[in-house]
Amino acid sequence: MQIEDFIKSFAEQFEDTDPSEIKAGTKFHDLEEWSSMIVLAVIAMVNINYDVTLTGQDIKETETVEELFNMVKSRQG
């Protein structure tokens, strides 16, 4: 699992945000497009791509894309 692939998949969940704006250190909660629908899309993407189950609380507890990546990586079998 590479962070670059995770960032690309994460960025694909946004329709109006330029993917180049999303980097490891991006505070995703601050993105203008961030919404409950994107939260659900990210949870689904992580489940499908990485076979890891995230909760809304997990998303709230992480601030940057890299922190979310590290959480997902730590939960992989």
PDB file of N, CA and C in Angstrom:
ATOM      1  N   MET A   1       0.846  -1.177   0.000  1.00  0.00           N
ATOM      2  CA  MET A   1       0.000   0.000   0.000  1.00  0.00           C
ATOM      3  C   MET A   1       0.894   1.244   0.000  1.00  0.00           C
ATOM      4  N   GLN A   2       0.740   2.053  -1.013  1.00  0.00           N
ATOM      5  CA  GLN A   2       1.539   3.265  -1.164  1.00  0.00           C
ATOM      6  C   GLN A   2       0.675   4.498  -0.916  1.00  0.00           C
ATOM      7  N   ILE A   3       1.249   5.497  -0.266  1.00  0.00           N
ATOM      8  CA  ILE A   3       0.478   6.699   0.035  1.00  0.00           C
ATOM      9  C   ILE A   3       0.055   7.419  -1.248  1.00  0.00           C
ATOM     10  N   GLU A   4       0.885   7.368  -2.290  1.00  0.00           N
ATOM     11  CA  GLU A   4       0.532   8.032  -3.545  1.00  0.00           C
ATOM     12  C   GLU A   4      -0.757   7.458  -4.124  1.00  0.00           C
ATOM     13  N   ASP A   5      -0.909   6.131  -4.070  1.00  0.00           N
ATOM     14  CA  ASP A   5      -2.128   5.482  -4.571  1.00  0.00           C
ATOM     15  C   ASP A   5      -3.329   5.857  -3.714  1.00  0.00           C
ATOM     16  N   PHE A   6      -3.118   5.922  -2.400  1.00  0.00           N
ATOM     17  CA  PHE A   6      -4.195   6.292  -1.487  1.00  0.00           C
ATOM     18  C   PHE A   6      -4.656   7.726  -1.764  1.00  0.00           C
ATOM     19  N   ILE A   7      -3.706   8.638  -1.944  1.00  0.00           N
ATOM     20  CA  ILE A   7      -4.051  10.039  -2.219  1.00  0.00           C
ATOM     21  C   ILE A   7      -4.845  10.136  -3.513  1.00  0.00           C
ATOM     22  N   LYS A   8      -4.424   9.397  -4.534  1.00  0.00           N
ATOM     23  CA  LYS A   8      -5.134   9.417  -5.823  1.00  0.00           C
ATOM     24  C   LYS A   8      -6.573   8.927  -5.644  1.00  0.00           C
ATOM     25  N   SER A   9      -6.756   7.817  -4.952  1.00  0.00           N
ATOM     26  CA  SER A   9      -8.100   7.276  -4.712  1.00  0.00           C
ATOM     27  C   SER A   9      -8.928   8.240  -3.866  1.00  0.00           C
ATOM     28  N   PHE A  10      -8.310   8.839  -2.864  1.00  0.00           N
ATOM     29  CA  PHE A  10      -8.995   9.809  -2.009  1.00  0.00           C
ATOM     30  C   PHE A  10      -9.465  10.999  -2.845  1.00  0.00           C
ATOM     31  N   ALA A  11      -8.579  11.525  -3.683  1.00  0.00           N
ATOM     32  CA  ALA A  11      -8.893  12.694  -4.511  1.00  0.00           C
ATOM     33  C   ALA A  11     -10.022  12.403  -5.495  1.00  0.00           C
ATOM     34  N   GLU A  12     -10.143  11.152  -5.943  1.00  0.00           N
ATOM     35  CA  GLU A  12     -11.193  10.776  -6.894  1.00  0.00           C
ATOM     36  C   GLU A  12     -12.599  10.878  -6.292  1.00  0.00           C
ATOM     37  N   GLN A  13     -12.694  11.000  -4.977  1.00  0.00           N
ATOM     38  CA  GLN A  13     -14.005  11.087  -4.327  1.00  0.00           C
ATOM     39  C   GLN A  13     -14.599  12.497  -4.450  1.00  0.00           C
ATOM     40  N   PHE A  14     -13.797  13.440  -4.895  1.00  0.00           N
ATOM     41  CA  PHE A  14     -14.229  14.832  -5.035  1.00  0.00           C
ATOM     42  C   PHE A  14     -14.542  15.135  -6.497  1.00  0.00           C
ATOM     43  N   GLU A  15     -15.630  15.852  -6.724  1.00  0.00           N
ATOM     44  CA  GLU A  15     -15.999  16.221  -8.093  1.00  0.00           C
ATOM     45  C   GLU A  15     -15.408  17.566  -8.501  1.00  0.00           C
ATOM     46  N   ASP A  16     -15.399  18.529  -7.584  1.00  0.00           N
ATOM     47  CA  ASP A  16     -15.041  19.897  -7.944  1.00  0.00           C
ATOM     48  C   ASP A  16     -13.672  20.331  -7.441  1.00  0.00           C
ATOM     49  N   THR A  17     -13.002  19.491  -6.681  1.00  0.00           N
ATOM     50  CA  THR A  17     -11.696  19.847  -6.138  1.00  0.00           C
ATOM     51  C   THR A  17     -10.605  19.307  -7.054  1.00  0.00           C
ATOM     52  N   ASP A  18      -9.692  20.167  -7.439  1.00  0.00           N
ATOM     53  CA  ASP A  18      -8.580  19.766  -8.293  1.00  0.00           C
ATOM     54  C   ASP A  18      -7.733  18.733  -7.545  1.00  0.00           C
ATOM     55  N   PRO A  19      -7.513  17.554  -8.140  1.00  0.00           N
ATOM     56  CA  PRO A  19      -6.726  16.511  -7.460  1.00  0.00           C
ATOM     57  C   PRO A  19      -5.338  16.980  -7.033  1.00  0.00           C
ATOM     58  N   SER A  20      -4.766  17.965  -7.733  1.00  0.00           N
ATOM     59  CA  SER A  20      -3.435  18.441  -7.370  1.00  0.00           C
ATOM     60  C   SER A  20      -3.448  19.201  -6.043  1.00  0.00           C
ATOM     61  N   GLU A  21      -4.637  19.601  -5.569  1.00  0.00           N
ATOM     62  CA  GLU A  21      -4.756  20.281  -4.273  1.00  0.00           C
ATOM     63  C   GLU A  21      -4.616  19.303  -3.105  1.00  0.00           C
ATOM     64  N   ILE A  22      -4.804  18.014  -3.380  1.00  0.00           N
ATOM     65  CA  ILE A  22      -4.825  17.017  -2.313  1.00  0.00           C
ATOM     66  C   ILE A  22      -3.467  16.326  -2.232  1.00  0.00           C
ATOM     67  N   LYS A  23      -2.821  16.542  -1.094  1.00  0.00           N
ATOM     68  CA  LYS A  23      -1.495  15.975  -0.847  1.00  0.00           C
ATOM     69  C   LYS A  23      -1.522  15.289   0.522  1.00  0.00           C
ATOM     70  N   ALA A  24      -0.422  14.664   0.907  1.00  0.00           N
ATOM     71  CA  ALA A  24      -0.365  13.947   2.185  1.00  0.00           C
ATOM     72  C   ALA A  24      -0.709  14.858   3.357  1.00  0.00           C
ATOM     73  N   GLY A  25      -0.236  16.098   3.315  1.00  0.00           N
ATOM     74  CA  GLY A  25      -0.454  17.013   4.429  1.00  0.00           C
ATOM     75  C   GLY A  25      -1.742  17.812   4.374  1.00  0.00           C
ATOM     76  N   THR A  26      -2.570  17.549   3.359  1.00  0.00           N
ATOM     77  CA  THR A  26      -3.823  18.294   3.212  1.00  0.00           C
ATOM     78  C   THR A  26      -4.753  18.017   4.388  1.00  0.00           C
ATOM     79  N   LYS A  27      -5.239  19.080   5.010  1.00  0.00           N
ATOM     80  CA  LYS A  27      -6.253  18.956   6.070  1.00  0.00           C
ATOM     81  C   LYS A  27      -7.608  18.872   5.364  1.00  0.00           C
ATOM     82  N   PHE A  28      -8.041  17.635   5.137  1.00  0.00           N
ATOM     83  CA  PHE A  28      -9.203  17.425   4.272  1.00  0.00           C
ATOM     84  C   PHE A  28     -10.491  18.011   4.822  1.00  0.00           C
ATOM     85  N   HIS A  29     -10.614  18.168   6.132  1.00  0.00           N
ATOM     86  CA  HIS A  29     -11.819  18.771   6.708  1.00  0.00           C
ATOM     87  C   HIS A  29     -11.965  20.228   6.267  1.00  0.00           C
ATOM     88  N   ASP A  30     -10.851  20.856   5.890  1.00  0.00           N
ATOM     89  CA  ASP A  30     -10.859  22.264   5.489  1.00  0.00           C
ATOM     90  C   ASP A  30     -11.175  22.462   4.011  1.00  0.00           C
ATOM     91  N   LEU A  31     -11.238  21.383   3.241  1.00  0.00           N
ATOM     92  CA  LEU A  31     -11.545  21.517   1.813  1.00  0.00           C
ATOM     93  C   LEU A  31     -12.983  22.014   1.645  1.00  0.00           C
ATOM     94  N   GLU A  32     -13.160  22.950   0.741  1.00  0.00           N
ATOM     95  CA  GLU A  32     -14.473  23.560   0.530  1.00  0.00           C
ATOM     96  C   GLU A  32     -15.544  22.515   0.204  1.00  0.00           C
ATOM     97  N   GLU A  33     -15.172  21.501  -0.551  1.00  0.00           N
ATOM     98  CA  GLU A  33     -16.136  20.488  -1.006  1.00  0.00           C
ATOM     99  C   GLU A  33     -16.420  19.409   0.042  1.00  0.00           C
ATOM    100  N   TRP A  34     -15.661  19.367   1.125  1.00  0.00           N
ATOM    101  CA  TRP A  34     -15.817  18.329   2.149  1.00  0.00           C
ATOM    102  C   TRP A  34     -17.246  18.329   2.677  1.00  0.00           C
ATOM    103  N   SER A  35     -17.872  17.151   2.715  1.00  0.00           N
ATOM    104  CA  SER A  35     -19.263  17.040   3.164  1.00  0.00           C
ATOM    105  C   SER A  35     -19.523  15.624   3.673  1.00  0.00           C
ATOM    106  N   SER A  36     -20.691  15.434   4.230  1.00  0.00           N
ATOM    107  CA  SER A  36     -21.056  14.103   4.719  1.00  0.00           C
ATOM    108  C   SER A  36     -21.114  13.090   3.570  1.00  0.00           C
ATOM    109  N   MET A  37     -21.466  13.544   2.388  1.00  0.00           N
ATOM    110  CA  MET A  37     -21.495  12.633   1.228  1.00  0.00           C
ATOM    111  C   MET A  37     -20.074  12.178   0.864  1.00  0.00           C
ATOM    112  N   ILE A  38     -19.121  13.074   0.965  1.00  0.00           N
ATOM    113  CA  ILE A  38     -17.725  12.706   0.675  1.00  0.00           C
ATOM    114  C   ILE A  38     -17.214  11.747   1.750  1.00  0.00           C
ATOM    115  N   VAL A  39     -17.617  11.984   3.000  1.00  0.00           N
ATOM    116  CA  VAL A  39     -17.233  11.064   4.084  1.00  0.00           C
ATOM    117  C   VAL A  39     -17.682   9.651   3.727  1.00  0.00           C
ATOM    118  N   LEU A  40     -18.929   9.510   3.316  1.00  0.00           N
ATOM    119  CA  LEU A  40     -19.455   8.183   2.953  1.00  0.00           C
ATOM    120  C   LEU A  40     -18.701   7.601   1.764  1.00  0.00           C
ATOM    121  N   ALA A  41     -18.380   8.442   0.787  1.00  0.00           N
ATOM    122  CA  ALA A  41     -17.635   7.966  -0.386  1.00  0.00           C
ATOM    123  C   ALA A  41     -16.234   7.493   0.009  1.00  0.00           C
ATOM    124  N   VAL A  42     -15.584   8.219   0.918  1.00  0.00           N
ATOM    125  CA  VAL A  42     -14.238   7.837   1.368  1.00  0.00           C
ATOM    126  C   VAL A  42     -14.307   6.528   2.154  1.00  0.00           C
ATOM    127  N   ILE A  43     -15.296   6.396   3.032  1.00  0.00           N
ATOM    128  CA  ILE A  43     -15.467   5.152   3.789  1.00  0.00           C
ATOM    129  C   ILE A  43     -15.664   3.973   2.837  1.00  0.00           C
ATOM    130  N   ALA A  44     -16.507   4.157   1.810  1.00  0.00           N
ATOM    131  CA  ALA A  44     -16.747   3.095   0.833  1.00  0.00           C
ATOM    132  C   ALA A  44     -15.486   2.778   0.033  1.00  0.00           C
ATOM    133  N   MET A  45     -14.757   3.813  -0.388  1.00  0.00           N
ATOM    134  CA  MET A  45     -13.528   3.615  -1.164  1.00  0.00           C
ATOM    135  C   MET A  45     -12.509   2.815  -0.357  1.00  0.00           C
ATOM    136  N   VAL A  46     -12.348   3.156   0.911  1.00  0.00           N
ATOM    137  CA  VAL A  46     -11.388   2.450   1.765  1.00  0.00           C
ATOM    138  C   VAL A  46     -11.816   0.994   1.935  1.00  0.00           C
ATOM    139  N   ASN A  47     -13.109   0.765   2.113  1.00  0.00           N
ATOM    140  CA  ASN A  47     -13.611  -0.593   2.279  1.00  0.00           C
ATOM    141  C   ASN A  47     -13.380  -1.427   1.017  1.00  0.00           C
ATOM    142  N   ILE A  48     -13.665  -0.857  -0.131  1.00  0.00           N
ATOM    143  CA  ILE A  48     -13.528  -1.582  -1.402  1.00  0.00           C
ATOM    144  C   ILE A  48     -12.053  -1.781  -1.773  1.00  0.00           C
ATOM    145  N   ASN A  49     -11.264  -0.708  -1.694  1.00  0.00           N
ATOM    146  CA  ASN A  49      -9.873  -0.766  -2.167  1.00  0.00           C
ATOM    147  C   ASN A  49      -8.918  -1.432  -1.188  1.00  0.00           C
ATOM    148  N   TYR A  50      -9.205  -1.302   0.120  1.00  0.00           N
ATOM    149  CA  TYR A  50      -8.237  -1.749   1.118  1.00  0.00           C
ATOM    150  C   TYR A  50      -8.804  -2.760   2.108  1.00  0.00           C
ATOM    151  N   ASP A  51     -10.086  -3.107   1.957  1.00  0.00           N
ATOM    152  CA  ASP A  51     -10.752  -4.076   2.828  1.00  0.00           C
ATOM    153  C   ASP A  51     -10.616  -3.686   4.304  1.00  0.00           C
ATOM    154  N   VAL A  52     -10.785  -2.385   4.564  1.00  0.00           N
ATOM    155  CA  VAL A  52     -10.717  -1.846   5.920  1.00  0.00           C
ATOM    156  C   VAL A  52     -12.007  -1.084   6.174  1.00  0.00           C
ATOM    157  N   THR A  53     -12.593  -1.282   7.345  1.00  0.00           N
ATOM    158  CA  THR A  53     -13.819  -0.588   7.705  1.00  0.00           C
ATOM    159  C   THR A  53     -13.490   0.629   8.560  1.00  0.00           C
ATOM    160  N   LEU A  54     -13.901   1.794   8.075  1.00  0.00           N
ATOM    161  CA  LEU A  54     -13.744   3.034   8.826  1.00  0.00           C
ATOM    162  C   LEU A  54     -15.111   3.496   9.306  1.00  0.00           C
ATOM    163  N   THR A  55     -15.123   4.260  10.381  1.00  0.00           N
ATOM    164  CA  THR A  55     -16.358   4.863  10.870  1.00  0.00           C
ATOM    165  C   THR A  55     -16.257   6.375  10.701  1.00  0.00           C
ATOM    166  N   GLY A  56     -17.374   7.031  10.856  1.00  0.00           N
ATOM    167  CA  GLY A  56     -17.371   8.484  10.832  1.00  0.00           C
ATOM    168  C   GLY A  56     -16.462   9.047  11.912  1.00  0.00           C
ATOM    169  N   GLN A  57     -16.425   8.384  13.069  1.00  0.00           N
ATOM    170  CA  GLN A  57     -15.560   8.818  14.164  1.00  0.00           C
ATOM    171  C   GLN A  57     -14.090   8.726  13.765  1.00  0.00           C
ATOM    172  N   ASP A  58     -13.720   7.664  13.032  1.00  0.00           N
ATOM    173  CA  ASP A  58     -12.343   7.531  12.547  1.00  0.00           C
ATOM    174  C   ASP A  58     -11.964   8.734  11.686  1.00  0.00           C
ATOM    175  N   ILE A  59     -12.887   9.144  10.828  1.00  0.00           N
ATOM    176  CA  ILE A  59     -12.629  10.276   9.941  1.00  0.00           C
ATOM    177  C   ILE A  59     -12.481  11.560  10.770  1.00  0.00           C
ATOM    178  N   LYS A  60     -13.332  11.709  11.788  1.00  0.00           N
ATOM    179  CA  LYS A  60     -13.255  12.903  12.643  1.00  0.00           C
ATOM    180  C   LYS A  60     -11.931  12.971  13.394  1.00  0.00           C
ATOM    181  N   GLU A  61     -11.398  11.818  13.758  1.00  0.00           N
ATOM    182  CA  GLU A  61     -10.170  11.758  14.567  1.00  0.00           C
ATOM    183  C   GLU A  61      -8.903  12.007  13.750  1.00  0.00           C
ATOM    184  N   THR A  62      -9.009  11.979  12.440  1.00  0.00           N
ATOM    185  CA  THR A  62      -7.839  12.238  11.601  1.00  0.00           C
ATOM    186  C   THR A  62      -7.971  13.623  10.989  1.00  0.00           C
ATOM    187  N   GLU A  63      -6.831  14.254  10.791  1.00  0.00           N
ATOM    188  CA  GLU A  63      -6.841  15.625  10.290  1.00  0.00           C
ATOM    189  C   GLU A  63      -6.327  15.722   8.860  1.00  0.00           C
ATOM    190  N   THR A  64      -5.274  14.961   8.561  1.00  0.00           N
ATOM    191  CA  THR A  64      -4.673  15.039   7.228  1.00  0.00           C
ATOM    192  C   THR A  64      -4.891  13.730   6.470  1.00  0.00           C
ATOM    193  N   VAL A  65      -4.683  13.804   5.172  1.00  0.00           N
ATOM    194  CA  VAL A  65      -4.798  12.610   4.333  1.00  0.00           C
ATOM    195  C   VAL A  65      -3.788  11.556   4.796  1.00  0.00           C
ATOM    196  N   GLU A  66      -2.596  11.995   5.183  1.00  0.00           N
ATOM    197  CA  GLU A  66      -1.573  11.052   5.642  1.00  0.00           C
ATOM    198  C   GLU A  66      -1.996  10.350   6.938  1.00  0.00           C
ATOM    199  N   GLU A  67      -2.622  11.079   7.858  1.00  0.00           N
ATOM    200  CA  GLU A  67      -3.099  10.452   9.093  1.00  0.00           C
ATOM    201  C   GLU A  67      -4.162   9.396   8.778  1.00  0.00           C
ATOM    202  N   LEU A  68      -5.037   9.697   7.845  1.00  0.00           N
ATOM    203  CA  LEU A  68      -6.059   8.725   7.448  1.00  0.00           C
ATOM    204  C   LEU A  68      -5.410   7.510   6.798  1.00  0.00           C
ATOM    205  N   PHE A  69      -4.433   7.753   5.914  1.00  0.00           N
ATOM    206  CA  PHE A  69      -3.691   6.677   5.274  1.00  0.00           C
ATOM    207  C   PHE A  69      -3.050   5.767   6.340  1.00  0.00           C
ATOM    208  N   ASN A  70      -2.398   6.381   7.335  1.00  0.00           N
ATOM    209  CA  ASN A  70      -1.732   5.595   8.384  1.00  0.00           C
ATOM    210  C   ASN A  70      -2.725   4.772   9.172  1.00  0.00           C
ATOM    211  N   MET A  71      -3.918   5.314   9.431  1.00  0.00           N
ATOM    212  CA  MET A  71      -4.949   4.563  10.139  1.00  0.00           C
ATOM    213  C   MET A  71      -5.386   3.351   9.322  1.00  0.00           C
ATOM    214  N   VAL A  72      -5.626   3.565   8.037  1.00  0.00           N
ATOM    215  CA  VAL A  72      -6.043   2.470   7.155  1.00  0.00           C
ATOM    216  C   VAL A  72      -4.934   1.410   7.088  1.00  0.00           C
ATOM    217  N   LYS A  73      -3.712   1.853   6.911  1.00  0.00           N
ATOM    218  CA  LYS A  73      -2.583   0.917   6.807  1.00  0.00           C
ATOM    219  C   LYS A  73      -2.434   0.078   8.081  1.00  0.00           C
ATOM    220  N   SER A  74      -2.638   0.723   9.235  1.00  0.00           N
ATOM    221  CA  SER A  74      -2.487   0.003  10.507  1.00  0.00           C
ATOM    222  C   SER A  74      -3.577  -1.048  10.701  1.00  0.00           C
ATOM    223  N   ARG A  75      -4.671  -0.930   9.992  1.00  0.00           N
ATOM    224  CA  ARG A  75      -5.793  -1.869  10.155  1.00  0.00           C
ATOM    225  C   ARG A  75      -5.833  -2.948   9.089  1.00  0.00           C
ATOM    226  N   GLN A  76      -4.926  -2.898   8.143  1.00  0.00           N
ATOM    227  CA  GLN A  76      -4.920  -3.933   7.119  1.00  0.00           C
ATOM    228  C   GLN A  76      -4.419  -5.235   7.704  1.00  0.00           C
ATOM    229  N   GLY A  77      -5.025  -6.347   7.232  1.00  0.00           N
ATOM    230  CA  GLY A  77      -4.656  -7.663   7.730  1.00  0.00           C
ATOM    231  C   GLY A  77      -3.353  -8.086   7.307  1.00  0.00           C
TER     232      GLY A  77
END
